[in-house]
Protein backbone atom coordinates (compact mmCIF):
# COMPACT_ATOMS: atom_id res chain seq x y z
CA MET A 1 8.76 -6.59 -93.25
CA ILE A 2 9.65 -6.07 -89.71
CA SER A 3 13.27 -8.59 -88.77
CA LEU A 4 13.67 -9.93 -85.99
CA ARG A 5 16.49 -8.08 -84.63
CA ASN A 6 14.25 -4.94 -84.95
CA HIS A 7 11.76 -7.02 -83.14
CA VAL A 8 13.73 -8.00 -80.44
CA ILE A 9 15.04 -4.55 -80.12
CA SER A 10 11.50 -2.89 -79.91
CA ILE A 11 10.56 -5.61 -76.64
CA ALA A 12 13.72 -4.47 -74.97
CA ALA A 13 12.66 -1.17 -75.47
CA VAL A 14 9.40 -1.76 -74.02
CA PHE A 15 10.90 -3.03 -70.84
CA LEU A 16 13.02 -0.74 -70.15
CA ALA A 17 10.70 1.94 -70.45
CA LEU A 18 8.76 -0.13 -67.79
CA ALA A 19 11.90 -0.44 -65.66
CA VAL A 20 12.42 3.29 -65.84
CA GLY A 21 8.99 3.88 -64.71
CA VAL A 22 8.78 1.75 -61.69
CA VAL A 23 12.04 3.24 -60.97
CA LEU A 24 10.86 6.92 -61.56
CA GLY A 25 7.24 5.78 -59.39
CA SER A 26 8.59 4.19 -56.72
CA THR A 27 11.09 7.02 -56.15
CA SER A 28 8.15 9.76 -56.02
CA LEU A 29 6.18 6.75 -53.98
CA SER A 30 9.30 6.95 -51.21
CA ASN A 31 9.38 10.42 -51.48
CA ARG A 32 6.08 11.20 -50.40
CA VAL A 33 5.79 8.08 -48.11
CA LEU A 34 9.19 9.15 -46.32
CA GLY A 35 7.61 12.90 -45.98
CA GLY A 36 4.54 11.59 -44.10
CA LEU A 37 6.41 9.60 -41.92
CA ALA A 38 8.80 12.54 -40.92
CA GLY A 39 6.09 14.32 -40.58
CA ASP A 40 4.78 12.02 -38.01
CA ARG A 41 7.80 11.55 -36.27
CA ALA A 42 7.54 15.78 -35.95
CA ASN A 43 4.42 15.28 -34.24
CA LEU A 44 4.67 12.43 -32.04
CA SER A 45 7.86 14.61 -30.72
CA LYS A 46 6.15 16.99 -29.88
CA GLN A 47 3.40 15.24 -28.06
CA VAL A 48 6.41 13.60 -26.37
CA THR A 49 7.78 17.14 -25.42
CA ASP A 50 4.34 18.22 -24.41
CA LEU A 51 3.59 15.06 -22.03
CA GLN A 52 7.25 15.79 -20.37
CA ALA A 53 6.85 19.21 -19.60
CA THR A 54 3.14 18.02 -17.85
CA GLN A 55 4.75 15.50 -16.36
CA THR A 56 7.30 17.75 -14.90
CA ASP A 57 4.82 20.55 -13.76
CA LEU A 58 2.53 17.68 -11.89
CA SER A 59 5.76 16.31 -10.30
CA GLY A 60 6.36 19.79 -9.12
CA ARG A 61 2.79 20.15 -8.22
CA LEU A 62 3.25 17.27 -6.15
CA THR A 63 6.28 17.90 -4.24
CA ASP A 64 4.91 21.15 -3.24
CA ALA A 65 1.82 19.88 -2.18
CA ASP A 66 4.23 17.22 -0.01
CA ARG A 67 5.92 19.99 1.33
CA TYR A 68 2.80 21.83 2.45
CA ALA A 69 1.34 18.81 4.33
CA LEU A 70 4.58 17.51 5.95
CA ALA A 71 4.60 21.65 7.00
CA THR A 72 1.46 21.69 8.04
CA GLY A 73 0.85 18.16 9.19
CA PRO A 74 1.89 18.86 13.08
CA LEU A 75 -0.89 21.20 12.78
CA ALA A 76 -3.42 19.61 11.28
CA VAL A 77 -3.84 16.67 13.98
CA ARG A 78 -2.83 18.88 17.29
CA GLY A 79 -5.01 17.68 20.19
CA ALA A 80 -6.91 15.27 18.12
CA LEU A 81 -4.98 12.16 20.51
CA ASP A 82 -4.60 13.80 23.80
CA GLY A 83 -4.56 11.55 26.47
CA LYS A 84 -4.63 8.47 23.87
CA SER A 85 -2.08 5.69 23.66
CA VAL A 86 -0.60 4.04 20.24
CA VAL A 87 1.16 1.46 19.56
CA LEU A 88 2.77 0.39 16.05
CA VAL A 89 2.85 -2.60 14.62
CA THR A 90 4.65 -2.72 11.29
CA THR A 91 5.10 -5.41 8.62
CA ALA A 92 8.35 -7.08 6.70
CA ASP A 93 7.88 -4.40 3.98
CA ALA A 94 6.80 -1.55 5.57
CA LYS A 95 9.63 1.13 5.26
CA THR A 96 11.13 3.14 8.07
CA THR A 97 10.50 6.58 6.73
CA ASP A 98 6.78 6.16 6.97
CA ARG A 99 7.14 5.15 10.43
CA ASP A 100 9.29 7.61 11.53
CA GLY A 101 7.04 10.22 9.75
CA VAL A 102 3.19 8.63 11.37
CA ALA A 103 5.38 8.69 14.77
CA ALA A 104 6.43 11.84 14.95
CA LEU A 105 2.45 12.78 13.95
CA LEU A 106 1.31 10.94 16.33
CA ARG A 107 3.21 12.63 19.35
CA ALA A 108 2.27 15.99 17.68
CA ALA A 109 -1.16 14.73 18.08
CA GLY A 110 -0.79 14.37 21.59
CA ALA A 111 -0.42 10.77 21.88
CA THR A 112 2.18 8.56 23.38
CA VAL A 113 3.60 5.82 21.45
CA THR A 114 4.20 2.48 23.78
CA GLY A 115 6.79 0.94 21.08
CA GLU A 116 6.81 -1.32 18.08
CA LEU A 117 6.15 -4.64 17.14
CA GLN A 118 7.44 -5.76 13.54
CA LEU A 119 6.11 -8.67 11.60
CA THR A 120 8.65 -10.47 10.11
CA ASP A 121 8.42 -11.84 6.33
CA ALA A 122 7.96 -15.50 8.17
CA PHE A 123 4.80 -14.13 9.90
CA THR A 124 3.26 -14.35 6.04
CA ASP A 125 4.96 -17.16 4.98
CA PRO A 126 2.03 -19.72 3.66
CA THR A 127 4.61 -22.64 4.02
CA LYS A 128 5.11 -21.47 8.01
CA SER A 129 1.41 -21.15 8.80
CA ASP A 130 1.10 -24.27 10.59
CA GLN A 131 3.60 -23.83 12.87
CA LEU A 132 2.36 -20.11 13.60
CA ARG A 133 -1.05 -21.83 14.34
CA SER A 134 0.81 -24.02 16.63
CA LEU A 135 3.01 -21.59 18.30
CA VAL A 136 -0.22 -19.43 18.84
CA THR A 137 -2.01 -21.78 20.91
CA ARG A 138 0.73 -22.72 22.93
CA LEU A 139 1.32 -19.33 24.01
CA LEU A 140 -2.15 -18.07 24.80
CA PRO A 141 -2.62 -16.59 28.00
CA ALA A 142 -5.02 -17.87 30.63
CA GLY A 143 -7.22 -15.52 30.09
CA VAL A 144 -7.40 -14.80 26.58
CA GLN A 145 -9.62 -16.65 23.95
CA LEU A 146 -8.99 -17.17 20.36
CA PRO A 147 -11.53 -16.44 17.62
CA THR A 148 -13.07 -19.51 16.36
CA ALA A 149 -11.30 -18.53 12.47
CA ALA A 150 -8.50 -20.97 11.72
CA ASP A 151 -6.66 -18.87 9.43
CA PRO A 152 -3.13 -18.00 10.87
CA GLY A 153 -3.76 -13.89 10.19
CA THR A 154 -7.29 -13.78 12.54
CA LEU A 155 -5.34 -16.29 15.11
CA ALA A 156 -2.20 -14.90 15.51
CA GLY A 157 -4.21 -11.55 15.76
CA GLY A 158 -6.41 -13.07 18.57
CA LEU A 159 -2.78 -13.70 20.19
CA ILE A 160 -1.12 -10.46 19.37
CA GLY A 161 -4.00 -7.58 19.85
CA PRO A 162 -5.05 -8.56 23.60
CA LEU A 163 -0.91 -8.46 24.41
CA LEU A 164 -0.67 -4.81 22.86
CA LEU A 165 -3.89 -3.51 23.41
CA LEU A 166 -5.72 -2.64 26.44
CA ASP A 167 -9.31 -3.39 26.73
CA LYS A 168 -11.98 -1.23 25.99
CA SER A 169 -12.31 -0.07 29.63
CA GLY A 170 -8.64 0.66 29.80
CA LYS A 171 -7.08 -2.33 31.72
CA PRO A 172 -4.40 -4.95 30.62
CA GLN A 173 -5.75 -8.25 29.35
CA ALA A 174 -2.46 -10.22 30.04
CA SER A 175 -0.04 -9.66 32.57
CA PRO A 176 3.47 -8.18 31.55
CA ASP A 177 4.97 -11.76 32.41
CA GLU A 178 2.58 -13.37 29.82
CA THR A 179 2.83 -11.14 27.57
CA ALA A 180 6.50 -11.09 27.43
CA ALA A 181 6.87 -14.76 27.49
CA ALA A 182 3.94 -14.96 24.50
CA LEU A 183 5.81 -12.15 22.52
CA THR A 184 9.81 -13.96 23.55
CA GLY A 185 8.10 -17.33 22.13
CA LEU A 186 6.96 -15.47 18.42
CA ALA A 187 10.20 -13.84 18.45
CA SER A 188 12.38 -17.18 19.29
CA GLY A 189 10.06 -18.71 16.68
CA GLY A 190 11.04 -15.91 14.30
CA TYR A 191 7.65 -14.20 13.52
CA VAL A 192 8.36 -11.24 15.51
CA ARG A 193 10.51 -8.64 16.50
CA GLN A 194 9.89 -6.52 19.02
CA GLY A 195 11.10 -3.02 20.25
CA GLN A 196 12.09 -2.12 23.54
CA GLY A 197 10.10 -1.08 26.32
CA LEU A 198 7.20 -2.03 24.60
CA HIS A 199 3.46 -2.12 26.02
CA ALA A 200 0.01 -2.36 25.61
CA ALA A 201 -1.45 0.77 24.37
CA GLN A 202 -5.50 1.96 24.17
CA LEU A 203 -5.03 2.00 20.54
CA ALA A 204 -2.72 0.18 17.52
CA LEU A 205 -1.93 1.25 13.90
CA VAL A 206 -0.65 -1.50 11.62
CA LEU A 207 1.65 -0.11 8.72
CA THR A 208 2.74 -2.08 5.91
CA GLY A 209 4.09 -1.87 2.33
CA GLY A 210 2.77 -1.14 -0.73
CA ALA A 211 1.21 -3.88 -3.59
CA VAL A 212 2.11 -7.62 -2.40
CA SER A 213 4.00 -9.75 -5.13
CA GLY A 214 6.05 -12.78 -5.72
CA ASN A 215 4.74 -16.28 -4.92
CA ALA A 216 1.77 -16.66 -2.40
CA ALA A 217 0.96 -12.62 -2.67
CA ALA A 218 -2.85 -13.34 -2.08
CA ASP A 219 -2.07 -15.44 0.44
CA ARG A 220 0.26 -13.51 2.37
CA ALA A 221 -1.58 -9.81 1.56
CA ALA A 222 -4.75 -11.92 3.42
CA VAL A 223 -2.50 -12.83 6.34
CA ILE A 224 -1.82 -9.17 7.10
CA ALA A 225 -5.46 -7.95 6.58
CA ARG A 226 -6.99 -10.29 8.73
CA PHE A 227 -4.68 -9.92 11.50
CA ALA A 228 -5.60 -6.22 11.10
CA ILE A 229 -8.99 -6.90 11.52
CA GLN A 230 -8.62 -9.29 14.71
CA VAL A 231 -6.59 -6.41 16.13
CA GLN A 232 -9.11 -4.08 15.58
CA ARG A 233 -11.56 -6.41 17.48
CA SER A 234 -9.27 -6.35 20.29
CA GLY A 235 -9.11 -3.55 21.73
CA ALA A 236 -10.46 0.67 21.39
CA GLY A 237 -9.78 0.78 18.16
CA ALA A 238 -6.83 0.12 15.11
CA VAL A 239 -6.11 1.47 11.30
CA LEU A 240 -4.53 -0.18 8.61
CA ALA A 241 -1.98 1.90 6.79
CA GLY A 242 -0.05 1.26 3.72
CA ARG A 243 1.98 2.50 0.91
CA THR A 244 0.13 3.57 -2.67
CA GLY A 245 -0.46 0.15 -4.30
CA SER A 246 -1.96 -1.24 -0.76
CA ALA A 247 -5.37 -1.04 -1.90
CA ASP A 248 -4.57 -2.41 -5.78
CA ASN A 249 -4.79 -6.30 -6.96
CA PHE A 250 -3.71 -8.23 -3.89
CA GLY A 251 -2.56 -5.24 -1.35
CA PRO A 252 -3.20 -6.26 2.61
CA LEU A 253 -5.80 -3.21 2.14
CA ALA A 254 -7.62 -4.17 -1.20
CA VAL A 255 -8.76 -7.41 0.86
CA VAL A 256 -10.22 -5.07 3.76
CA ARG A 257 -12.25 -3.16 1.20
CA ALA A 258 -13.11 -6.25 -0.44
CA ASP A 259 -15.53 -7.22 2.44
CA GLY A 260 -18.25 -4.44 3.33
CA ALA A 261 -18.49 -5.74 7.13
CA THR A 262 -14.87 -5.33 7.73
CA THR A 263 -14.61 -1.82 6.05
CA SER A 264 -17.20 -1.04 8.68
CA VAL A 265 -15.08 -1.63 12.00
CA LEU A 266 -11.78 -1.19 10.75
CA SER A 267 -10.57 1.91 8.71
CA THR A 268 -7.65 1.81 5.96
CA VAL A 269 -5.30 4.41 4.63
CA ASP A 270 -3.76 3.70 1.26
CA ASP A 271 -1.28 6.54 0.82
CA VAL A 272 1.11 6.40 3.92
CA ASP A 273 4.22 7.10 1.95
CA ASN A 274 3.23 10.63 1.30
CA ALA A 275 3.03 13.50 4.07
CA ALA A 276 -0.77 13.89 3.37
CA GLY A 277 -1.62 10.17 3.89
CA GLN A 278 0.34 10.09 7.23
CA VAL A 279 -1.81 12.74 8.38
CA VAL A 280 -4.79 10.49 7.28
CA ALA A 281 -3.84 7.76 9.39
CA VAL A 282 -3.64 9.92 12.66
CA LEU A 283 -7.14 10.94 12.28
CA ALA A 284 -8.47 8.17 11.19
CA LEU A 285 -6.91 6.62 14.37
CA ARG A 286 -9.08 9.67 16.08
CA ASP A 287 -12.16 8.34 14.49
CA ALA A 288 -11.70 4.54 15.42
CA ALA A 289 -11.17 5.97 19.18
CA ALA A 290 -14.87 7.28 18.64
CA GLY A 291 -15.93 4.18 16.89
CA LYS A 292 -15.91 5.39 13.36
CA ALA A 293 -14.23 3.81 10.70
CA GLY A 294 -13.80 4.79 6.80
CA SER A 295 -11.49 3.96 3.79
CA TYR A 296 -9.12 6.76 2.63
CA GLY A 297 -6.71 8.01 0.30
CA THR A 298 -5.75 7.99 -3.21
CA ALA A 299 -6.84 4.38 -4.54
CA GLY A 300 -9.64 4.11 -6.60
CA ASN A 301 -11.52 1.85 -3.97
CA ALA A 302 -11.44 5.02 -1.41
CA GLN A 303 -14.34 6.62 -0.03
CA ALA A 304 -12.68 9.72 0.70
CA PRO A 305 -9.18 11.13 0.59
CA ALA A 306 -9.38 11.72 4.40
CA PRO A 307 -11.97 11.84 7.34
CA THR A 308 -14.68 14.65 7.43
CA ALA A 309 -13.95 17.09 10.30
CA GLN A 310 -14.89 16.81 13.50
CA THR A 311 -17.20 19.12 15.31
CA GLY A 312 -18.01 20.53 18.50
């Protein structure tokens, strides 16, 4: 007959055996799990190392390509704008390095740069659009007619375009006094800053930054896009060029490229932050003078990296 003491000891032995089994089993399982995780970690570490090497290689190639474009750019554009004059219009977020690079290439192409007009941050501020509309109407020279559109970008382009661009026959569209008065009025209102010696040209290059962010990004981008479109309509040709990101989401170039009617008349270049893009901007101006337009650059909505070579 089994005593109560022996029965308790037997039950305790069973539980002890179960506990030992659990410990041994969990240790074996843990070793297998840890071993698997260690293997995954090693594999991921190798993938990261490979990706870093690929990135370094691609960065090096891009640097070499940019250096090549920088060295050969003046040769690529030589003679493209012989006898032409170009005025620069820069937005508040345009980079000085982009402007200087493009200006040097314009001169290498044979063009005369007639000056720069900078649009301030207030120019695209939706809270100041009513004041801009009112000011544009008051400053309008007698011989200039504003477009019927009521948005501030188009109206401002309807005033500034004829001030900065000669008409298609090469004649000024406003007198020097009218131009000076209008630009001074816009500058006093805080909407523009004009460079020294600024005067009208045959062609215009509107230079902007990258993607627009923050409050009212879409509205700000639309002002620049519609301004550039109206400037194009005011003279013999214009190009809107921006940095990488300017053709994405709320970028000004994205606004232009979303409308087939505007892409057929206004050229855009979306990578003017690199040497190759600056060359393309000059070649796009050459085509604009000939009545041609296109969407150029590296963004997904670009038609081609650059204009096709002219022959003949």
